[in-house]
């Protein structure tokens, strides 16, 4: 029943983009960036429209998460396709937005989702986490890697490269759009309120604690190849110099999550503050009342809440409303993203 509801919800997306023939599926492969920066290996998954020439299986499913249906190493569809790169939140991973990849692929997009070293589920080296400026570079490296890849480069339209990011991934996205970290502002804010979220995370990861690291954090790491960006309930707005936000030229869709839950962010300091600082002409903002911070993660199983709660008290909230309600929320978000990328 859950899968039927999921299919019906995603079926609404057909009107937002091109419909594909019945003999196409979502293909997937692993990728690993091979470049001069080999001391920071970046890997992830690439999802793409494919021919139905390889067995489709349910992947990334377990007792908590429903997963998605895809065909490993299926033959990609010919033609040129837009590319979307997805950046996860704090201690997330390349699988977190597989539901959005599925929706985008159904509309002809190629999607790359990566795991950021230092701030992902399985890669938590403290020195990698400290170098938070590498997060936007990770995204740029993935784009370069795919544009040089012999299989996927001919399939990607370089004029239609987009990005989406959730939570810390949303912060990463704003940096790539042209937002600049303001070390003096962060220092003053944290002196006034050391318990603020950005301050506690900064202390935990030793962010910008030396002049050299402040300089690295304050550099311009915008990527003009990215033509539009979707930002999902970001955290860290107050770390940016607001004059740099006012100068951002990349169109942004900002999605706020107002429904209270574990992980809820203060929208007046985050998404709403970001939108107020960005140019109005190139910014769209939606704040669906049903959204929580974790509704940007995958669909949960009926047992998801209990399993998570048994493992760590409180973690069950990751899956609160994570079945039928989350399926409906995913359709809403995906429709908004697809519409925005079609007309940024």
Foldseek 3Di string as FASTA:
>chain_A
DLVVLLVVLLVVCCVLAPADDPQKFKEKEKDWQDDPVVVFIKIAMKIAIAGNPADWDFPPDDQWFRGDIYGYPGHHDDAAAEEEEEEEAFQAAQQFQVSLCRSVRSRGYMYTYIAGACGHVVHNDLVSLQLLLCRLVSVVSVVVRQCPDPRRVNHYDLQQYAYEYAAQGLVSVLLQLFWFFDPVQVVVVCVVPVPDPVNVSCVVSVHPVDVVRNVSRGDRNHDPSHQEYEYEQYPDPSRTDLVRQQVGDRAYEYEHEPADFVVHDDCVSPRVVSCVSHDVVRYHYDYDPLGDSLLSGGATDPCNLVVLCVVPNRRSRSHVCRGSNSSNVSSVVSSVVSNVSVPD
